[in-house]
Amino acid sequence: MNDPSHAKPRGLFPATFLIFLGLIFLLRSLHLLDWSDAWPLILVGVGTMIFISGLGRTDKGAVFPGTVLILVGVFFFLWSRLHFSDSMDMDELWPIFPLIVGIAFFILFLLNPKDWGTLVPGVILVLISVLFFLTNFGLLSTSKWAHIGRLWPLVLIIIGLGLLLGRKKP
């Protein structure tokens, strides 16, 4: 009657989290990992667990925060390991955060291609991030923003097209 092959995996999230956390503390106590490296890995671990739990559901909404946590964790891990803080200021790199949110919207769209409502904000956030990165690194001068500023109605057109294409047919 109690067939173990049909047992539900109870406590998978807490168990996996404890194992992951234990590994981080073990690596830290063996001096193989510094705290500046550890906290971003905790974000990656928690984000991965949330992401995977979202994949197993009909509603894939948990994939969004999982993706954000993973990418923020990876960013700060690379920031600390590659010593970006020595050569780049966060004033130049802040567009990474709207880019991360835009990528999370793209992931949601890939999991449900019929939901154009997730693609539109993803495209807008990625474009905004790219424009600010180009400006921050001197590849796009601020005087060119005046020309780009005249094209803002394209955003309305893109949103309208997304709404039209995402409409359910009766």
Protein backbone atom coordinates (compact mmCIF):
# COMPACT_ATOMS: atom_id res chain seq x y z
CA MET A 1 0.00 0.00 0.00
CA ASN A 2 2.84 2.41 0.77
CA ASP A 3 4.77 2.01 -2.45
CA PRO A 4 7.95 4.14 -2.19
CA SER A 5 8.05 4.60 -5.96
CA HIS A 6 4.86 6.70 -5.72
CA ALA A 7 5.94 8.72 -2.72
CA LYS A 8 5.81 12.50 -3.04
CA PRO A 9 9.15 14.29 -2.67
CA ARG A 10 8.44 16.15 0.57
CA GLY A 11 10.79 18.76 1.84
CA LEU A 12 12.83 18.84 -1.37
CA PHE A 13 13.31 22.61 -1.24
CA PRO A 14 14.46 22.81 2.41
CA ALA A 15 16.67 19.73 2.05
CA THR A 16 18.34 21.04 -1.09
CA PHE A 17 18.77 24.47 0.47
CA LEU A 18 20.41 22.99 3.60
CA ILE A 19 22.80 20.91 1.49
CA PHE A 20 23.70 23.93 -0.63
CA LEU A 21 24.14 26.15 2.42
CA GLY A 22 26.24 23.46 4.13
CA LEU A 23 28.51 23.26 1.07
CA ILE A 24 29.04 27.00 1.08
CA PHE A 25 29.88 27.03 4.80
CA LEU A 26 32.19 24.02 4.35
CA LEU A 27 34.06 25.71 1.49
CA ARG A 28 34.27 28.85 3.62
CA SER A 29 35.64 26.98 6.65
CA LEU A 30 38.25 25.28 4.43
CA HIS A 31 39.27 28.75 3.13
CA LEU A 32 38.29 27.81 -0.40
CA LEU A 33 35.62 30.49 -0.56
CA ASP A 34 35.53 34.07 0.72
CA TRP A 35 32.31 35.71 2.01
CA SER A 36 32.39 38.13 -0.90
CA ASP A 37 32.00 35.04 -3.11
CA ALA A 38 29.57 33.19 -0.87
CA TRP A 39 26.56 35.50 -0.67
CA PRO A 40 26.11 35.74 -4.46
CA LEU A 41 26.26 31.95 -4.63
CA ILE A 42 23.48 31.75 -2.05
CA LEU A 43 21.38 33.94 -4.37
CA VAL A 44 22.21 31.64 -7.29
CA GLY A 45 21.31 28.57 -5.25
CA VAL A 46 18.00 29.92 -3.98
CA GLY A 47 17.19 31.28 -7.45
CA THR A 48 17.94 27.92 -9.04
CA MET A 49 15.64 26.12 -6.61
CA ILE A 50 12.85 28.64 -7.24
CA PHE A 51 13.42 28.40 -11.01
CA ILE A 52 13.27 24.60 -10.99
CA SER A 53 10.16 24.59 -8.79
CA GLY A 54 8.52 26.96 -11.29
CA LEU A 55 9.29 24.62 -14.19
CA GLY A 56 7.32 21.83 -12.52
CA ARG A 57 4.14 23.91 -12.25
CA THR A 58 1.43 24.77 -14.72
CA ASP A 59 1.81 28.43 -13.75
CA LYS A 60 5.44 29.25 -14.57
CA GLY A 61 5.39 32.51 -12.58
CA ALA A 62 8.08 31.30 -10.12
CA VAL A 63 10.55 31.12 -13.00
CA PHE A 64 10.65 34.94 -13.09
CA PRO A 65 12.01 35.59 -9.56
CA GLY A 66 14.22 32.51 -9.89
CA THR A 67 15.81 33.92 -13.04
CA VAL A 68 16.29 37.34 -11.43
CA LEU A 69 17.98 35.84 -8.35
CA ILE A 70 20.25 33.63 -10.46
CA LEU A 71 21.38 36.48 -12.71
CA VAL A 72 21.86 38.97 -9.86
CA GLY A 73 23.90 36.34 -8.00
CA VAL A 74 26.02 35.61 -11.07
CA PHE A 75 26.59 39.34 -11.64
CA PHE A 76 27.80 39.96 -8.09
CA PHE A 77 29.88 36.76 -8.08
CA LEU A 78 31.65 37.92 -11.24
CA TRP A 79 31.86 41.46 -9.79
CA SER A 80 33.77 40.16 -6.77
CA ARG A 81 35.86 37.49 -8.54
CA LEU A 82 36.91 39.50 -11.58
CA HIS A 83 37.44 42.67 -9.54
CA PHE A 84 35.16 44.81 -11.68
CA SER A 85 34.87 47.14 -8.71
CA ASP A 86 38.51 48.16 -9.25
CA SER A 87 38.01 49.23 -12.86
CA MET A 88 34.29 50.01 -13.18
CA ASP A 89 31.90 51.93 -11.02
CA MET A 90 28.33 50.84 -10.39
CA ASP A 91 27.31 54.16 -11.98
CA GLU A 92 28.38 52.61 -15.30
CA LEU A 93 26.99 49.13 -14.69
CA TRP A 94 23.55 49.88 -13.25
CA PRO A 95 21.82 49.07 -16.58
CA ILE A 96 22.57 45.41 -15.81
CA PHE A 97 19.57 45.34 -13.47
CA PRO A 98 16.84 46.29 -15.97
CA LEU A 99 18.64 43.94 -18.39
CA ILE A 100 18.31 41.10 -15.87
CA VAL A 101 14.59 41.79 -15.45
CA GLY A 102 14.20 41.93 -19.26
CA ILE A 103 15.93 38.55 -19.59
CA ALA A 104 13.57 37.13 -16.95
CA PHE A 105 10.62 38.29 -19.08
CA PHE A 106 12.21 36.60 -22.13
CA ILE A 107 12.53 33.33 -20.18
CA LEU A 108 8.83 33.53 -19.28
CA PHE A 109 8.02 34.10 -22.93
CA LEU A 110 10.13 31.12 -24.00
CA LEU A 111 8.22 28.90 -21.57
CA ASN A 112 4.87 30.19 -22.87
CA PRO A 113 5.32 31.61 -26.41
CA LYS A 114 1.62 32.46 -26.64
CA ASP A 115 1.97 35.07 -23.88
CA TRP A 116 3.17 38.14 -25.78
CA GLY A 117 2.53 40.20 -22.66
CA THR A 118 5.84 38.96 -21.26
CA LEU A 119 7.80 39.64 -24.43
CA VAL A 120 6.91 43.33 -24.71
CA PRO A 121 8.34 44.46 -21.33
CA GLY A 122 11.34 42.20 -21.93
CA VAL A 123 12.14 43.91 -25.23
CA ILE A 124 11.63 47.38 -23.75
CA LEU A 125 13.87 46.71 -20.74
CA VAL A 126 16.62 45.14 -22.85
CA LEU A 127 16.57 48.05 -25.31
CA ILE A 128 16.70 50.60 -22.50
CA SER A 129 19.61 48.74 -20.92
CA VAL A 130 21.53 48.53 -24.18
CA LEU A 131 21.03 52.26 -24.84
CA PHE A 132 22.27 53.18 -21.37
CA PHE A 133 25.24 50.81 -21.62
CA LEU A 134 26.20 52.34 -24.96
CA THR A 135 25.92 55.82 -23.47
CA ASN A 136 27.79 54.93 -20.27
CA PHE A 137 30.73 53.52 -22.21
CA GLY A 138 30.89 56.39 -24.70
CA LEU A 139 29.67 54.41 -27.70
CA LEU A 140 26.58 56.56 -28.04
CA SER A 141 26.86 60.26 -27.39
CA THR A 142 24.15 62.03 -25.45
CA SER A 143 23.62 64.44 -28.36
CA LYS A 144 22.30 61.46 -30.34
CA TRP A 145 19.58 60.97 -27.70
CA ALA A 146 17.76 63.94 -29.21
CA HIS A 147 17.32 61.95 -32.45
CA ILE A 148 16.33 58.80 -30.62
CA GLY A 149 13.90 60.82 -28.50
CA ARG A 150 11.82 61.54 -31.56
CA LEU A 151 11.22 57.82 -32.05
CA TRP A 152 9.47 57.24 -28.70
CA PRO A 153 6.12 56.58 -30.44
CA LEU A 154 7.67 53.30 -31.64
CA VAL A 155 7.30 52.05 -28.08
CA LEU A 156 3.53 52.62 -28.30
CA ILE A 157 3.42 50.84 -31.67
CA ILE A 158 5.35 47.85 -30.32
CA ILE A 159 3.08 47.60 -27.26
CA GLY A 160 -0.01 47.84 -29.48
CA LEU A 161 1.31 45.13 -31.81
CA GLY A 162 2.07 42.92 -28.81
CA LEU A 163 -1.46 43.35 -27.52
CA LEU A 164 -2.94 42.59 -30.94
CA LEU A 165 -0.81 39.52 -31.51
CA GLY A 166 -1.43 38.25 -27.99
CA ARG A 167 -5.23 38.48 -28.28
CA LYS A 168 -7.14 35.26 -27.85
CA LYS A 169 -9.35 34.38 -30.79
CA PRO A 170 -13.03 33.67 -29.99
